[in-house]
């Protein structure tokens, strides 16, 4: 039975029972390799004449369930699990960007992503061009014949202004450039593929897991971008690939559907970089997914109440949350978010950096950790942690000021969350 409802998809997509033991819960296939039926079977797997398990670095039965389930949840055609969210972003870009190519990215990014794009990818010979998403046309202006993709976060951390997915996706499609969207902060409440994104990535470490026990990421192929039509931009998909005995990916997988991008990522990028997700972590993320639709509702409801509380506090000079935004930022949130406005909140204290540090050190219920998306409520000072590698100008472009504090609101009782925030504010 197929369903369009996330509550059902999160529990049932990609799995019914184990064919041998009738197990309802997905087993952990903690194995490195798989026995071939014959030499012919092995040869067919390696030539991609047949698809199946060869080696867990490339594919694993437990991980495959997670991939199918998350692809169904996002409305994509296929998924590829990764060892972390950073690995997912790296492979998503390098799957179509080679030395000499460039891509255009929103300035509103997580600090680790900015650093990887600006510094690590430059050593690969790949150029990132940053533009302010307040003006979607800036993406068009930054595009040339070597531009391979656009990149953005749905709910960028820390600005929390919803990215104009639809507008930028339309610009990209008119030029033959796909939009890659990191939807880590908005699972369930935003479906970037429905708004025109070609590829979605997640750090499964965050809301998808929810429990704060496992590191992982995923790439989801929307199956909605015509790579052949714009073949001059994507020779790595439409021309013979020397790393896989001359396979032309858009031709090789055509009988299986529009999955050229994700298959190439699996059998070349994942094969060579080795950024595979542990089967045990895949199992843990499957457990987290089962309650994701329920949790995200509670996260969002609590966050709106916290934003309202902070917005009325005398020591708080600014609160950043979609529920309090106006103008174009409010319109984008209304257009792209459904069923909640996210669980991340940013705010500024009148006392600046010193007050922010004192506030965090005074928290008793909220955890001071470098993460988001836990069931628990979390707090951090981005300028000295998550965005520390950026210079002051880059921090400001990303939305980080010296006194900025970020909260990731959990699913504890709202009275207890506000009580802890209140006593910490009184300690300043």
Protein backbone atom coordinates (compact mmCIF):
# COMPACT_ATOMS: atom_id res chain seq x y z
CA UNK A 1 0.00 0.00 0.00
CA UNK A 2 1.37 3.38 -1.02
CA UNK A 3 0.67 6.53 0.93
CA UNK A 4 1.29 10.24 0.51
CA UNK A 5 1.16 10.83 4.26
CA UNK A 6 4.53 11.24 6.06
CA UNK A 7 3.30 9.47 9.19
CA UNK A 8 2.72 6.30 7.13
CA UNK A 9 5.76 6.66 4.85
CA UNK A 10 8.10 7.03 7.83
CA UNK A 11 6.91 3.70 9.20
CA UNK A 12 6.38 1.59 6.09
CA UNK A 13 8.24 2.76 2.97
CA UNK A 14 10.83 0.31 1.66
CA UNK A 15 10.06 -2.56 4.03
CA UNK A 16 7.34 -4.98 5.12
CA UNK A 17 9.10 -7.97 6.67
CA UNK A 18 12.21 -10.11 6.39
CA UNK A 19 11.64 -12.72 3.68
CA UNK A 20 13.37 -15.49 5.66
CA UNK A 21 12.48 -14.88 9.30
CA UNK A 22 9.34 -12.71 8.95
CA UNK A 23 10.97 -10.06 11.16
CA UNK A 24 8.92 -6.84 11.19
CA UNK A 25 11.88 -4.68 12.25
CA UNK A 26 14.59 -4.10 9.64
CA UNK A 27 17.59 -6.32 10.55
CA UNK A 28 21.10 -4.90 10.90
CA UNK A 29 23.10 -6.49 8.09
CA UNK A 30 26.46 -6.02 9.78
CA UNK A 31 28.52 -7.53 6.98
CA UNK A 32 31.27 -6.34 4.69
CA UNK A 33 30.48 -8.51 1.68
CA UNK A 34 28.00 -10.85 -0.01
CA UNK A 35 28.48 -14.25 -1.65
CA UNK A 36 27.85 -14.37 -5.39
CA UNK A 37 25.64 -17.09 -6.85
CA UNK A 38 28.14 -17.77 -9.65
CA UNK A 39 30.95 -16.15 -11.63
CA UNK A 40 28.33 -14.98 -14.12
CA UNK A 41 26.28 -13.40 -11.31
CA UNK A 42 29.38 -11.60 -10.02
CA UNK A 43 30.31 -10.35 -13.48
CA UNK A 44 26.79 -9.04 -14.07
CA UNK A 45 26.81 -7.13 -10.78
CA UNK A 46 30.15 -5.49 -11.51
CA UNK A 47 29.08 -4.54 -15.04
CA UNK A 48 25.74 -3.13 -13.77
CA UNK A 49 23.81 -5.61 -15.91
CA UNK A 50 22.22 -6.65 -12.62
CA UNK A 51 21.85 -4.58 -9.48
CA UNK A 52 22.56 -6.10 -6.08
CA UNK A 53 24.90 -6.25 -3.13
CA UNK A 54 28.63 -6.51 -3.73
CA UNK A 55 30.35 -4.76 -0.82
CA UNK A 56 28.92 -2.66 2.02
CA UNK A 57 31.05 0.35 1.06
CA UNK A 58 28.77 0.64 -1.97
CA UNK A 59 25.47 -0.88 -0.83
CA UNK A 60 23.95 -2.62 2.19
CA UNK A 61 20.43 -4.09 2.73
CA UNK A 62 19.82 -2.17 5.99
CA UNK A 63 21.02 1.08 4.49
CA UNK A 64 18.92 0.46 1.37
CA UNK A 65 15.72 0.59 3.44
CA UNK A 66 16.72 3.96 4.90
CA UNK A 67 17.54 5.25 1.41
CA UNK A 68 14.21 4.17 -0.03
CA UNK A 69 12.24 5.46 2.94
CA UNK A 70 13.83 8.91 2.91
CA UNK A 71 13.51 9.17 -0.87
CA UNK A 72 9.79 8.43 -0.50
CA UNK A 73 9.47 10.98 2.28
CA UNK A 74 11.06 13.73 0.15
CA UNK A 75 9.25 12.73 -3.05
CA UNK A 76 12.45 11.67 -4.82
CA UNK A 77 13.25 8.62 -6.93
CA UNK A 78 16.28 7.25 -5.06
CA UNK A 79 18.60 7.96 -2.15
CA UNK A 80 22.25 7.41 -1.27
CA UNK A 81 23.25 7.26 2.40
CA UNK A 82 26.54 8.80 3.51
CA UNK A 83 28.77 8.73 6.57
CA UNK A 84 27.81 12.31 7.52
CA UNK A 85 25.95 15.37 6.31
CA UNK A 86 29.23 16.96 5.26
CA UNK A 87 30.03 13.87 3.17
CA UNK A 88 26.59 14.12 1.55
CA UNK A 89 27.21 17.73 0.55
CA UNK A 90 30.72 16.94 -0.71
CA UNK A 91 29.56 14.06 -2.90
CA UNK A 92 26.46 15.94 -4.09
CA UNK A 93 28.73 18.68 -5.47
CA UNK A 94 31.68 16.62 -6.75
CA UNK A 95 29.35 14.19 -8.52
CA UNK A 96 28.86 16.86 -11.20
CA UNK A 97 31.65 19.41 -10.51
CA UNK A 98 35.22 18.73 -11.59
CA UNK A 99 38.40 20.82 -11.59
CA UNK A 100 37.78 24.02 -13.52
CA UNK A 101 34.04 24.03 -12.80
CA UNK A 102 32.13 26.34 -10.47
CA UNK A 103 28.86 26.38 -8.56
CA UNK A 104 26.80 29.19 -7.08
CA UNK A 105 25.88 29.06 -3.41
CA UNK A 106 23.71 31.08 -1.08
CA UNK A 107 25.70 33.02 1.52
CA UNK A 108 23.29 31.80 4.19
CA UNK A 109 25.04 28.60 5.24
CA UNK A 110 26.19 26.50 8.17
CA UNK A 111 29.80 27.46 8.97
CA UNK A 112 31.21 24.00 8.26
CA UNK A 113 29.62 24.02 4.81
CA UNK A 114 30.97 27.48 4.03
CA UNK A 115 34.47 26.39 5.07
CA UNK A 116 34.32 23.23 2.95
CA UNK A 117 33.11 25.15 -0.10
CA UNK A 118 35.53 28.05 0.31
CA UNK A 119 38.69 26.16 1.26
CA UNK A 120 38.55 22.39 0.71
CA UNK A 121 36.77 22.45 -2.65
CA UNK A 122 39.15 25.13 -3.90
CA UNK A 123 41.96 22.58 -3.52
CA UNK A 124 39.97 20.35 -5.89
CA UNK A 125 39.96 23.18 -8.43
CA UNK A 126 36.24 23.81 -7.91
CA UNK A 127 35.17 27.44 -7.42
CA UNK A 128 32.27 28.51 -5.22
CA UNK A 129 30.54 31.79 -6.04
CA UNK A 130 28.55 33.22 -3.13
CA UNK A 131 25.45 35.33 -3.71
CA UNK A 132 22.86 36.87 -1.42
CA UNK A 133 19.57 34.92 -1.76
CA UNK A 134 17.55 38.04 -1.02
CA UNK A 135 17.93 38.62 -4.77
CA UNK A 136 17.26 35.35 -6.64
CA UNK A 137 18.43 36.94 -9.89
CA UNK A 138 21.93 37.05 -8.39
CA UNK A 139 22.17 33.33 -9.14
CA UNK A 140 21.55 33.98 -12.84
CA UNK A 141 24.12 36.79 -12.86
CA UNK A 142 26.79 34.54 -11.30
CA UNK A 143 26.22 31.71 -13.82
CA UNK A 144 28.49 30.96 -16.76
CA UNK A 145 29.14 27.98 -19.05
CA UNK A 146 31.17 26.19 -16.34
CA UNK A 147 28.49 26.52 -13.63
CA UNK A 148 27.30 23.03 -12.70
CA UNK A 149 24.77 23.62 -9.88
CA UNK A 150 23.26 25.97 -7.33
CA UNK A 151 23.33 25.21 -3.59
CA UNK A 152 21.26 26.44 -0.65
CA UNK A 153 19.78 25.52 2.74
CA UNK A 154 15.99 25.51 3.17
CA UNK A 155 16.14 27.06 6.64
CA UNK A 156 19.68 28.43 6.75
CA UNK A 157 21.43 28.31 10.06
CA UNK A 158 21.69 30.94 11.56
CA UNK A 159 19.64 33.50 9.54
CA UNK A 160 16.57 31.22 9.42
CA UNK A 161 15.15 33.07 6.41
CA UNK A 162 13.60 30.48 4.10
CA UNK A 163 15.47 30.19 0.83
CA UNK A 164 13.51 31.11 -2.35
CA UNK A 165 13.56 27.54 -3.68
CA UNK A 166 10.95 27.97 -6.36
CA UNK A 167 12.39 31.16 -7.82
CA UNK A 168 16.01 29.96 -7.94
CA UNK A 169 15.02 26.50 -9.22
CA UNK A 170 13.16 28.13 -12.12
CA UNK A 171 16.14 30.34 -12.95
CA UNK A 172 18.39 27.30 -12.86
CA UNK A 173 16.18 25.20 -15.12
CA UNK A 174 16.04 28.00 -17.70
CA UNK A 175 19.85 27.85 -17.83
CA UNK A 176 20.26 24.10 -17.41
CA UNK A 177 21.56 24.34 -13.85
CA UNK A 178 20.12 22.08 -11.09
CA UNK A 179 19.41 23.32 -7.57
CA UNK A 180 20.75 21.28 -4.64
CA UNK A 181 18.95 22.00 -1.35
CA UNK A 182 20.09 21.04 2.14
CA UNK A 183 16.79 20.31 3.92
CA UNK A 184 18.33 19.24 7.24
CA UNK A 185 16.46 21.84 9.32
CA UNK A 186 13.06 21.31 7.68
CA UNK A 187 12.20 17.63 7.16
CA UNK A 188 8.47 16.98 6.72
CA UNK A 189 7.61 20.70 6.83
CA UNK A 190 9.29 21.45 3.48
CA UNK A 191 9.53 19.37 0.31
CA UNK A 192 12.15 21.13 -1.85
CA UNK A 193 11.61 18.74 -4.77
CA UNK A 194 7.98 19.86 -5.01
CA UNK A 195 9.24 23.44 -5.40
CA UNK A 196 11.68 22.54 -8.18
CA UNK A 197 14.88 21.40 -6.45
CA UNK A 198 16.69 18.64 -8.34
CA UNK A 199 18.66 17.18 -5.43
CA UNK A 200 18.06 17.20 -1.66
CA UNK A 201 20.63 16.47 1.02
CA UNK A 202 20.23 15.92 4.74
CA UNK A 203 22.42 15.50 7.75
CA UNK A 204 20.51 12.50 9.15
CA UNK A 205 22.40 13.18 12.38
CA UNK A 206 19.85 15.88 13.15
CA UNK A 207 16.03 15.59 13.09
CA UNK A 208 15.86 12.34 11.12
CA UNK A 209 17.71 10.50 13.88
CA UNK A 210 16.58 12.78 16.67
CA UNK A 211 18.31 10.80 19.38
CA UNK A 212 21.81 12.28 19.09
CA UNK A 213 23.53 8.89 18.89
CA UNK A 214 24.62 8.54 15.25
CA UNK A 215 26.35 10.50 12.49
CA UNK A 216 25.09 10.23 8.93
CA UNK A 217 23.85 11.98 5.80
CA UNK A 218 21.90 11.29 2.63
CA UNK A 219 21.56 12.52 -0.96
CA UNK A 220 18.14 12.23 -2.60
CA UNK A 221 17.70 12.42 -6.36
CA UNK A 222 14.49 14.18 -7.36
CA UNK A 223 14.49 12.45 -10.77
CA UNK A 224 13.13 15.67 -12.24
CA UNK A 225 16.16 17.17 -13.98
CA UNK A 226 16.94 16.44 -17.64
CA UNK A 227 20.70 15.81 -17.61
CA UNK A 228 20.73 14.77 -21.29
CA UNK A 229 19.04 17.95 -22.46
CA UNK A 230 21.84 19.96 -20.87
CA UNK A 231 24.55 17.44 -21.64
CA UNK A 232 27.19 20.08 -22.41
CA UNK A 233 27.12 21.08 -18.73
CA UNK A 234 27.32 17.53 -17.44
CA UNK A 235 29.89 15.55 -19.42
CA UNK A 236 30.45 13.36 -16.34
CA UNK A 237 26.91 12.04 -16.83
CA UNK A 238 26.48 12.21 -20.59
CA UNK A 239 29.96 11.28 -21.84
CA UNK A 240 31.91 8.00 -21.33
CA UNK A 241 33.20 7.72 -17.76
CA UNK A 242 36.77 6.36 -17.76
CA UNK A 243 36.42 5.42 -14.07
CA UNK A 244 33.73 2.86 -14.96
CA UNK A 245 34.82 1.25 -18.25
CA UNK A 246 33.36 4.05 -20.35
CA UNK A 247 29.81 3.95 -19.02
CA UNK A 248 27.56 6.80 -20.14
CA UNK A 249 25.37 7.16 -17.09
CA UNK A 250 22.32 8.69 -18.73
CA UNK A 251 22.25 5.70 -21.11
CA UNK A 252 23.42 2.95 -18.77
CA UNK A 253 20.56 3.30 -16.30
CA UNK A 254 17.80 4.56 -18.59
CA UNK A 255 15.76 1.32 -18.31
CA UNK A 256 15.68 1.80 -14.52
CA UNK A 257 14.31 5.34 -14.60
CA UNK A 258 15.72 8.87 -14.13
CA UNK A 259 18.45 7.86 -11.66
CA UNK A 260 21.65 8.59 -13.60
CA UNK A 261 22.84 11.18 -11.04
CA UNK A 262 22.40 8.98 -7.96
CA UNK A 263 23.74 5.80 -9.58
CA UNK A 264 26.90 7.59 -10.67
CA UNK A 265 27.27 8.98 -7.14
CA UNK A 266 27.01 5.46 -5.74
CA UNK A 267 29.28 3.52 -8.08
CA UNK A 268 31.98 6.17 -8.58
CA UNK A 269 31.98 8.78 -5.79
CA UNK A 270 30.97 6.50 -2.92
CA UNK A 271 33.10 3.68 -4.30
CA UNK A 272 36.21 5.90 -4.48
CA UNK A 273 35.77 8.22 -1.48
CA UNK A 274 34.51 5.48 0.82
CA UNK A 275 32.07 7.74 2.67
CA UNK A 276 29.72 4.86 3.49
CA UNK A 277 27.17 4.90 6.29
CA UNK A 278 27.54 2.21 8.93
CA UNK A 279 24.69 -0.37 8.77
CA UNK A 280 24.22 0.09 12.51
CA UNK A 281 23.79 3.85 12.06
CA UNK A 282 21.33 3.21 9.23
CA UNK A 283 19.34 1.03 11.62
CA UNK A 284 19.37 3.82 14.23
CA UNK A 285 18.12 6.37 11.69
CA UNK A 286 15.31 4.04 10.67
CA UNK A 287 14.21 3.96 14.32
CA UNK A 288 14.32 7.75 14.48
CA UNK A 289 12.33 8.14 11.28
CA UNK A 290 9.39 6.23 12.73
CA UNK A 291 8.55 9.13 15.05
CA UNK A 292 9.87 12.00 12.91
CA UNK A 293 6.46 13.31 11.74
CA UNK A 294 5.24 13.42 15.34
CA UNK A 295 8.44 14.90 16.75
CA UNK A 296 8.76 17.65 14.17
CA UNK A 297 5.28 18.87 15.09
CA UNK A 298 6.21 19.08 18.77
CA UNK A 299 9.54 20.78 17.93
CA UNK A 300 7.80 23.46 15.87
CA UNK A 301 5.02 24.09 18.37
CA UNK A 302 7.49 24.53 21.22
CA UNK A 303 9.73 26.78 19.14
CA UNK A 304 6.93 29.20 18.29
CA UNK A 305 6.12 29.53 21.99
CA UNK A 306 9.78 30.12 22.88
CA UNK A 307 10.11 32.73 20.12
CA UNK A 308 7.07 34.55 21.47
CA UNK A 309 8.47 34.45 25.01
CA UNK A 310 11.89 35.77 23.97
CA UNK A 311 10.37 38.46 21.78
CA UNK A 312 8.74 40.01 24.82
CA UNK A 313 11.78 39.83 27.11
CA UNK A 314 13.40 43.08 28.18
CA UNK A 315 16.99 41.80 27.83
CA UNK A 316 16.51 40.44 24.31
CA UNK A 317 17.05 42.94 21.49
CA UNK A 318 16.24 40.69 18.55
CA UNK A 319 14.61 37.29 17.96
CA UNK A 320 15.06 35.38 14.71
CA UNK A 321 12.35 32.84 13.85
CA UNK A 322 10.05 32.57 10.81
CA UNK A 323 6.99 33.18 12.99
CA UNK A 324 8.23 36.72 13.69
CA UNK A 325 9.40 37.67 10.22
CA UNK A 326 7.70 40.17 7.93
CA UNK A 327 7.69 41.09 4.26
CA UNK A 328 9.44 38.83 1.76
CA UNK A 329 10.89 36.54 4.44
CA UNK A 330 7.38 35.90 5.78
CA UNK A 331 6.05 35.25 2.28
CA UNK A 332 8.76 32.70 1.53
CA UNK A 333 8.13 30.91 4.80
CA UNK A 334 4.41 30.72 4.03
CA UNK A 335 5.07 29.48 0.50
CA UNK A 336 7.61 26.78 1.36
CA UNK A 337 6.83 25.58 4.89
CA UNK A 338 3.79 23.48 5.70
CA UNK A 339 2.80 22.25 9.16
CA UNK A 340 5.47 24.11 11.12
CA UNK A 341 8.04 26.88 10.97
CA UNK A 342 11.08 25.01 12.22
CA UNK A 343 12.61 24.50 15.64
CA UNK A 344 15.68 26.74 15.41
CA UNK A 345 15.69 30.16 17.05
CA UNK A 346 18.33 32.86 17.08
CA UNK A 347 18.40 35.84 19.39
CA UNK A 348 20.58 38.76 20.42
CA UNK A 349 21.11 39.90 23.99
CA UNK A 350 21.51 43.54 24.93
CA UNK A 351 24.77 42.70 26.69
CA UNK A 352 26.44 41.30 23.55
CA UNK A 353 29.01 38.50 23.59
CA UNK A 354 29.62 38.59 27.34
CA UNK A 355 25.90 38.32 28.08
CA UNK A 356 25.57 35.48 25.57
CA UNK A 357 28.34 33.50 27.23
CA UNK A 358 26.85 34.08 30.67
CA UNK A 359 23.43 32.99 29.45
CA UNK A 360 24.73 29.71 28.02
CA UNK A 361 26.80 28.93 31.09
CA UNK A 362 23.70 29.43 33.26
CA UNK A 363 21.46 26.95 31.45
CA UNK A 364 20.48 23.87 33.44
CA UNK A 365 18.00 22.00 31.23
CA UNK A 366 19.24 22.96 27.76
CA UNK A 367 22.45 21.29 26.63
CA UNK A 368 25.42 23.31 25.37
CA UNK A 369 26.38 21.19 22.36
CA UNK A 370 27.37 21.64 18.68
CA UNK A 371 24.31 20.01 17.18
CA UNK A 372 20.70 20.64 16.23
CA UNK A 373 17.64 18.43 15.87
CA UNK A 374 17.90 16.40 19.07
CA UNK A 375 14.75 15.57 21.00
CA UNK A 376 16.49 17.56 23.75
CA UNK A 377 16.72 21.36 23.67
CA UNK A 378 20.18 22.67 22.79
CA UNK A 379 22.01 26.02 22.84
CA UNK A 380 25.26 27.35 21.38
CA UNK A 381 27.21 30.53 20.61
CA UNK A 382 27.96 30.22 16.84
CA UNK A 383 30.66 32.93 16.54
CA UNK A 384 32.98 31.01 18.85
CA UNK A 385 32.00 27.49 17.72
CA UNK A 386 30.13 26.45 14.55
CA UNK A 387 31.18 29.55 12.57
CA UNK A 388 34.55 30.12 14.25
CA UNK A 389 36.55 29.28 11.08
CA UNK A 390 34.92 32.15 9.19
CA UNK A 391 36.47 35.61 9.34
CA UNK A 392 34.33 38.45 10.81
CA UNK A 393 33.07 39.57 7.39
CA UNK A 394 32.13 36.01 6.40
CA UNK A 395 30.36 35.54 9.74
CA UNK A 396 28.26 38.64 9.14
CA UNK A 397 27.37 37.45 5.62
CA UNK A 398 26.22 34.17 7.13
CA UNK A 399 24.18 36.03 9.78
CA UNK A 400 26.44 35.50 12.80
CA UNK A 401 27.14 38.45 15.09
CA UNK A 402 29.28 38.36 18.28
CA UNK A 403 26.25 38.30 20.57
CA UNK A 404 24.12 35.84 18.61
CA UNK A 405 22.82 32.77 20.48
CA UNK A 406 21.19 29.82 18.70
CA UNK A 407 18.62 27.52 20.24
CA UNK A 408 17.45 24.16 18.91
CA UNK A 409 14.17 23.61 20.69
CA UNK A 410 13.37 20.05 21.73
CA UNK A 411 10.22 18.22 22.74
CA UNK A 412 10.37 18.67 26.52
CA UNK A 413 7.34 20.27 28.16
CA UNK A 414 7.22 23.90 27.09
CA UNK A 415 6.90 25.16 30.68
CA UNK A 416 10.22 23.53 31.59
CA UNK A 417 11.99 24.93 28.52
CA UNK A 418 10.81 28.48 29.21
CA UNK A 419 11.57 28.16 32.92
CA UNK A 420 15.19 27.30 32.14
CA UNK A 421 15.54 30.13 29.64
CA UNK A 422 14.00 32.53 32.17
CA UNK A 423 16.38 31.65 34.99
CA UNK A 424 19.39 31.87 32.65
CA UNK A 425 18.31 35.30 31.43
CA UNK A 426 17.91 36.49 35.02
CA UNK A 427 21.51 35.46 35.74
CA UNK A 428 22.97 37.89 33.20
